[in-house]
Amino acid sequence: MSAETPLTHGVPAELDCIPEQQLQAQERAEDEMIMHLERDQFVAETSRPVPRAPLSAQATVGLWALRVFVIVVSLMVIYTFVEQLH
């Protein structure tokens, strides 16, 4: 990244303002290319793992809190169901 390239929300300015029509043309070209792949080529292309997204500390804490909440609520539902059986 050069010193004269301004950044907008971590994205270089020239990448931040791509016209919608140009994006649609790129997507259409990619879709057409995928349509012409053989089945094994398509599977190989789409089965590549996606790297983890970089998250802030607040987002990580929020996701862990959500996991704990889901577990607690699940335990409450299971307990209530078992109690209603008796």
N, C-alpha and C. Protein backbone atom coordinates (compact mmCIF):
# COMPACT_ATOMS: atom_id res chain seq x y z
N MET A 1 0.87 -1.17 0.00
CA MET A 1 0.00 0.00 0.00
C MET A 1 0.90 1.21 0.00
N SER A 2 0.70 2.10 -0.91
CA SER A 2 1.53 3.29 -0.99
C SER A 2 1.03 4.34 -0.01
N ALA A 3 1.92 5.29 0.27
CA ALA A 3 1.58 6.33 1.25
C ALA A 3 0.51 7.28 0.72
N GLU A 4 0.43 7.46 -0.61
CA GLU A 4 -0.54 8.41 -1.13
C GLU A 4 -1.93 7.83 -1.34
N THR A 5 -2.12 6.52 -1.13
CA THR A 5 -3.43 5.90 -1.30
C THR A 5 -4.25 6.10 -0.03
N PRO A 6 -5.31 6.92 -0.08
CA PRO A 6 -6.14 7.11 1.11
C PRO A 6 -6.99 5.88 1.39
N LEU A 7 -7.23 5.63 2.66
CA LEU A 7 -8.04 4.48 3.06
C LEU A 7 -9.40 4.95 3.55
N THR A 8 -10.43 4.19 3.19
CA THR A 8 -11.78 4.44 3.67
C THR A 8 -12.24 3.17 4.37
N HIS A 9 -12.33 3.19 5.68
CA HIS A 9 -12.73 2.03 6.48
C HIS A 9 -11.84 0.83 6.19
N GLY A 10 -10.53 1.04 6.02
CA GLY A 10 -9.60 -0.05 5.79
C GLY A 10 -9.55 -0.51 4.35
N VAL A 11 -10.26 0.15 3.44
CA VAL A 11 -10.29 -0.23 2.03
C VAL A 11 -9.71 0.92 1.23
N PRO A 12 -8.78 0.65 0.30
CA PRO A 12 -8.26 1.73 -0.52
C PRO A 12 -9.38 2.46 -1.26
N ALA A 13 -9.22 3.76 -1.45
CA ALA A 13 -10.29 4.58 -2.04
C ALA A 13 -10.68 4.11 -3.43
N GLU A 14 -9.70 3.64 -4.22
CA GLU A 14 -10.05 3.21 -5.58
C GLU A 14 -10.87 1.92 -5.59
N LEU A 15 -10.77 1.11 -4.54
CA LEU A 15 -11.57 -0.11 -4.45
C LEU A 15 -12.92 0.15 -3.79
N ASP A 16 -13.02 1.23 -3.06
CA ASP A 16 -14.24 1.52 -2.31
C ASP A 16 -15.38 2.00 -3.20
N CYS A 17 -15.08 2.57 -4.36
CA CYS A 17 -16.13 3.16 -5.18
C CYS A 17 -16.20 2.50 -6.56
N ILE A 18 -16.35 1.18 -6.60
CA ILE A 18 -16.53 0.46 -7.85
C ILE A 18 -17.98 0.59 -8.26
N PRO A 19 -18.23 1.00 -9.51
CA PRO A 19 -19.62 1.16 -9.97
C PRO A 19 -20.40 -0.15 -9.89
N GLU A 20 -21.68 -0.05 -9.60
CA GLU A 20 -22.55 -1.23 -9.45
C GLU A 20 -22.59 -2.05 -10.73
N GLN A 21 -22.63 -1.41 -11.88
CA GLN A 21 -22.69 -2.13 -13.15
C GLN A 21 -21.43 -2.96 -13.37
N GLN A 22 -20.30 -2.42 -12.97
CA GLN A 22 -19.05 -3.16 -13.11
C GLN A 22 -19.05 -4.38 -12.20
N LEU A 23 -19.56 -4.22 -10.98
CA LEU A 23 -19.65 -5.36 -10.06
C LEU A 23 -20.57 -6.43 -10.62
N GLN A 24 -21.71 -6.03 -11.16
CA GLN A 24 -22.65 -6.99 -11.73
C GLN A 24 -22.03 -7.71 -12.92
N ALA A 25 -21.27 -7.01 -13.74
CA ALA A 25 -20.61 -7.64 -14.89
C ALA A 25 -19.59 -8.66 -14.42
N GLN A 26 -18.83 -8.34 -13.35
CA GLN A 26 -17.85 -9.29 -12.81
C GLN A 26 -18.54 -10.51 -12.25
N GLU A 27 -19.64 -10.32 -11.51
CA GLU A 27 -20.37 -11.45 -10.94
C GLU A 27 -20.96 -12.31 -12.04
N ARG A 28 -21.50 -11.68 -13.08
CA ARG A 28 -22.09 -12.43 -14.19
C ARG A 28 -21.02 -13.27 -14.89
N ALA A 29 -19.83 -12.70 -15.09
CA ALA A 29 -18.74 -13.45 -15.73
C ALA A 29 -18.33 -14.63 -14.87
N GLU A 30 -18.24 -14.44 -13.55
CA GLU A 30 -17.89 -15.54 -12.64
C GLU A 30 -18.97 -16.62 -12.66
N ASP A 31 -20.25 -16.22 -12.67
CA ASP A 31 -21.34 -17.18 -12.71
C ASP A 31 -21.31 -18.00 -13.99
N GLU A 32 -21.04 -17.35 -15.12
CA GLU A 32 -20.97 -18.06 -16.39
C GLU A 32 -19.81 -19.03 -16.40
N MET A 33 -18.69 -18.64 -15.80
CA MET A 33 -17.54 -19.53 -15.75
C MET A 33 -17.85 -20.75 -14.90
N ILE A 34 -18.53 -20.55 -13.78
CA ILE A 34 -18.89 -21.67 -12.90
C ILE A 34 -19.86 -22.61 -13.59
N MET A 35 -20.77 -22.08 -14.41
CA MET A 35 -21.75 -22.92 -15.12
C MET A 35 -21.06 -23.90 -16.06
N HIS A 36 -19.89 -23.57 -16.58
CA HIS A 36 -19.22 -24.42 -17.55
C HIS A 36 -18.21 -25.38 -16.93
N LEU A 37 -18.10 -25.38 -15.62
CA LEU A 37 -17.19 -26.31 -14.95
C LEU A 37 -17.80 -27.70 -14.91
N GLU A 38 -16.94 -28.70 -14.94
CA GLU A 38 -17.42 -30.07 -14.74
C GLU A 38 -17.71 -30.25 -13.26
N ARG A 39 -18.46 -31.31 -12.94
CA ARG A 39 -18.91 -31.50 -11.56
C ARG A 39 -17.75 -31.55 -10.57
N ASP A 40 -16.69 -32.33 -10.87
CA ASP A 40 -15.57 -32.43 -9.95
C ASP A 40 -14.80 -31.11 -9.84
N GLN A 41 -14.73 -30.35 -10.91
CA GLN A 41 -14.09 -29.04 -10.85
C GLN A 41 -14.91 -28.08 -9.98
N PHE A 42 -16.23 -28.15 -10.11
CA PHE A 42 -17.11 -27.29 -9.32
C PHE A 42 -16.98 -27.61 -7.84
N VAL A 43 -16.97 -28.91 -7.51
CA VAL A 43 -16.84 -29.33 -6.12
C VAL A 43 -15.50 -28.88 -5.55
N ALA A 44 -14.43 -29.04 -6.33
CA ALA A 44 -13.11 -28.64 -5.85
C ALA A 44 -13.05 -27.13 -5.64
N GLU A 45 -13.69 -26.38 -6.52
CA GLU A 45 -13.66 -24.92 -6.41
C GLU A 45 -14.48 -24.41 -5.23
N THR A 46 -15.61 -25.03 -4.96
CA THR A 46 -16.50 -24.55 -3.90
C THR A 46 -16.21 -25.17 -2.53
N SER A 47 -15.34 -26.17 -2.46
CA SER A 47 -15.08 -26.81 -1.17
C SER A 47 -13.86 -26.24 -0.46
N ARG A 48 -13.28 -25.18 -0.99
CA ARG A 48 -12.15 -24.55 -0.31
C ARG A 48 -12.64 -23.87 0.96
N PRO A 49 -11.93 -24.08 2.10
CA PRO A 49 -12.37 -23.44 3.34
C PRO A 49 -12.20 -21.93 3.28
N VAL A 50 -13.09 -21.25 3.95
CA VAL A 50 -13.04 -19.80 4.03
C VAL A 50 -12.28 -19.44 5.30
N PRO A 51 -11.32 -18.52 5.23
CA PRO A 51 -10.57 -18.15 6.43
C PRO A 51 -11.46 -17.44 7.45
N ARG A 52 -11.06 -17.53 8.71
CA ARG A 52 -11.82 -16.87 9.77
C ARG A 52 -11.77 -15.36 9.58
N ALA A 53 -12.88 -14.74 9.87
CA ALA A 53 -12.95 -13.28 9.78
C ALA A 53 -12.28 -12.68 11.02
N PRO A 54 -11.52 -11.62 10.84
CA PRO A 54 -10.93 -10.97 12.02
C PRO A 54 -12.03 -10.24 12.79
N LEU A 55 -12.15 -10.55 14.07
CA LEU A 55 -13.18 -9.95 14.91
C LEU A 55 -12.55 -9.11 16.01
N SER A 56 -13.26 -8.10 16.40
CA SER A 56 -12.79 -7.27 17.52
C SER A 56 -13.00 -8.04 18.82
N ALA A 57 -12.41 -7.55 19.86
CA ALA A 57 -12.56 -8.19 21.17
C ALA A 57 -14.02 -8.15 21.62
N GLN A 58 -14.71 -7.05 21.33
CA GLN A 58 -16.12 -6.94 21.71
C GLN A 58 -16.97 -7.98 20.97
N ALA A 59 -16.70 -8.19 19.71
CA ALA A 59 -17.46 -9.18 18.94
C ALA A 59 -17.20 -10.59 19.46
N THR A 60 -15.95 -10.88 19.80
CA THR A 60 -15.62 -12.20 20.34
C THR A 60 -16.33 -12.44 21.67
N VAL A 61 -16.31 -11.45 22.56
CA VAL A 61 -17.00 -11.57 23.85
C VAL A 61 -18.50 -11.73 23.62
N GLY A 62 -19.05 -10.98 22.69
CA GLY A 62 -20.48 -11.08 22.40
C GLY A 62 -20.86 -12.46 21.88
N LEU A 63 -20.03 -13.03 21.02
CA LEU A 63 -20.33 -14.37 20.50
C LEU A 63 -20.23 -15.42 21.59
N TRP A 64 -19.23 -15.28 22.49
CA TRP A 64 -19.13 -16.24 23.59
C TRP A 64 -20.32 -16.10 24.54
N ALA A 65 -20.76 -14.86 24.78
CA ALA A 65 -21.94 -14.66 25.63
C ALA A 65 -23.16 -15.29 24.99
N LEU A 66 -23.29 -15.18 23.69
CA LEU A 66 -24.41 -15.79 22.98
C LEU A 66 -24.37 -17.31 23.09
N ARG A 67 -23.17 -17.89 23.00
CA ARG A 67 -23.05 -19.35 23.16
C ARG A 67 -23.49 -19.80 24.55
N VAL A 68 -23.02 -19.08 25.57
CA VAL A 68 -23.40 -19.42 26.95
C VAL A 68 -24.91 -19.28 27.13
N PHE A 69 -25.49 -18.22 26.58
CA PHE A 69 -26.93 -18.00 26.67
C PHE A 69 -27.70 -19.17 26.03
N VAL A 70 -27.27 -19.59 24.86
CA VAL A 70 -27.95 -20.70 24.17
C VAL A 70 -27.87 -21.97 25.00
N ILE A 71 -26.73 -22.24 25.60
CA ILE A 71 -26.59 -23.45 26.43
C ILE A 71 -27.49 -23.36 27.65
N VAL A 72 -27.53 -22.22 28.31
CA VAL A 72 -28.37 -22.06 29.51
C VAL A 72 -29.84 -22.22 29.15
N VAL A 73 -30.28 -21.59 28.08
CA VAL A 73 -31.68 -21.70 27.68
C VAL A 73 -32.01 -23.13 27.26
N SER A 74 -31.08 -23.80 26.59
CA SER A 74 -31.32 -25.20 26.20
C SER A 74 -31.48 -26.08 27.44
N LEU A 75 -30.64 -25.85 28.43
CA LEU A 75 -30.77 -26.63 29.67
C LEU A 75 -32.10 -26.35 30.36
N MET A 76 -32.54 -25.10 30.34
CA MET A 76 -33.84 -24.76 30.94
C MET A 76 -34.98 -25.48 30.21
N VAL A 77 -34.90 -25.52 28.88
CA VAL A 77 -35.95 -26.18 28.10
C VAL A 77 -35.95 -27.68 28.38
N ILE A 78 -34.78 -28.29 28.44
CA ILE A 78 -34.69 -29.72 28.72
C ILE A 78 -35.22 -30.02 30.13
N TYR A 79 -34.84 -29.21 31.11
CA TYR A 79 -35.32 -29.39 32.48
C TYR A 79 -36.85 -29.28 32.54
N THR A 80 -37.40 -28.27 31.88
CA THR A 80 -38.86 -28.09 31.89
C THR A 80 -39.55 -29.27 31.21
N PHE A 81 -39.02 -29.76 30.12
CA PHE A 81 -39.61 -30.90 29.42
C PHE A 81 -39.59 -32.15 30.32
N VAL A 82 -38.47 -32.40 30.97
CA VAL A 82 -38.35 -33.58 31.84
C VAL A 82 -39.29 -33.44 33.03
N GLU A 83 -39.43 -32.25 33.61
CA GLU A 83 -40.32 -32.03 34.74
C GLU A 83 -41.78 -32.23 34.33
N GLN A 84 -42.16 -31.87 33.13
CA GLN A 84 -43.52 -32.05 32.67
C GLN A 84 -43.88 -33.50 32.40
N LEU A 85 -42.87 -34.35 32.21
CA LEU A 85 -43.11 -35.79 31.99
C LEU A 85 -43.58 -36.45 33.29
N HIS A 86 -43.22 -35.94 34.42
CA HIS A 86 -43.56 -36.57 35.70
C HIS A 86 -44.91 -36.16 36.16
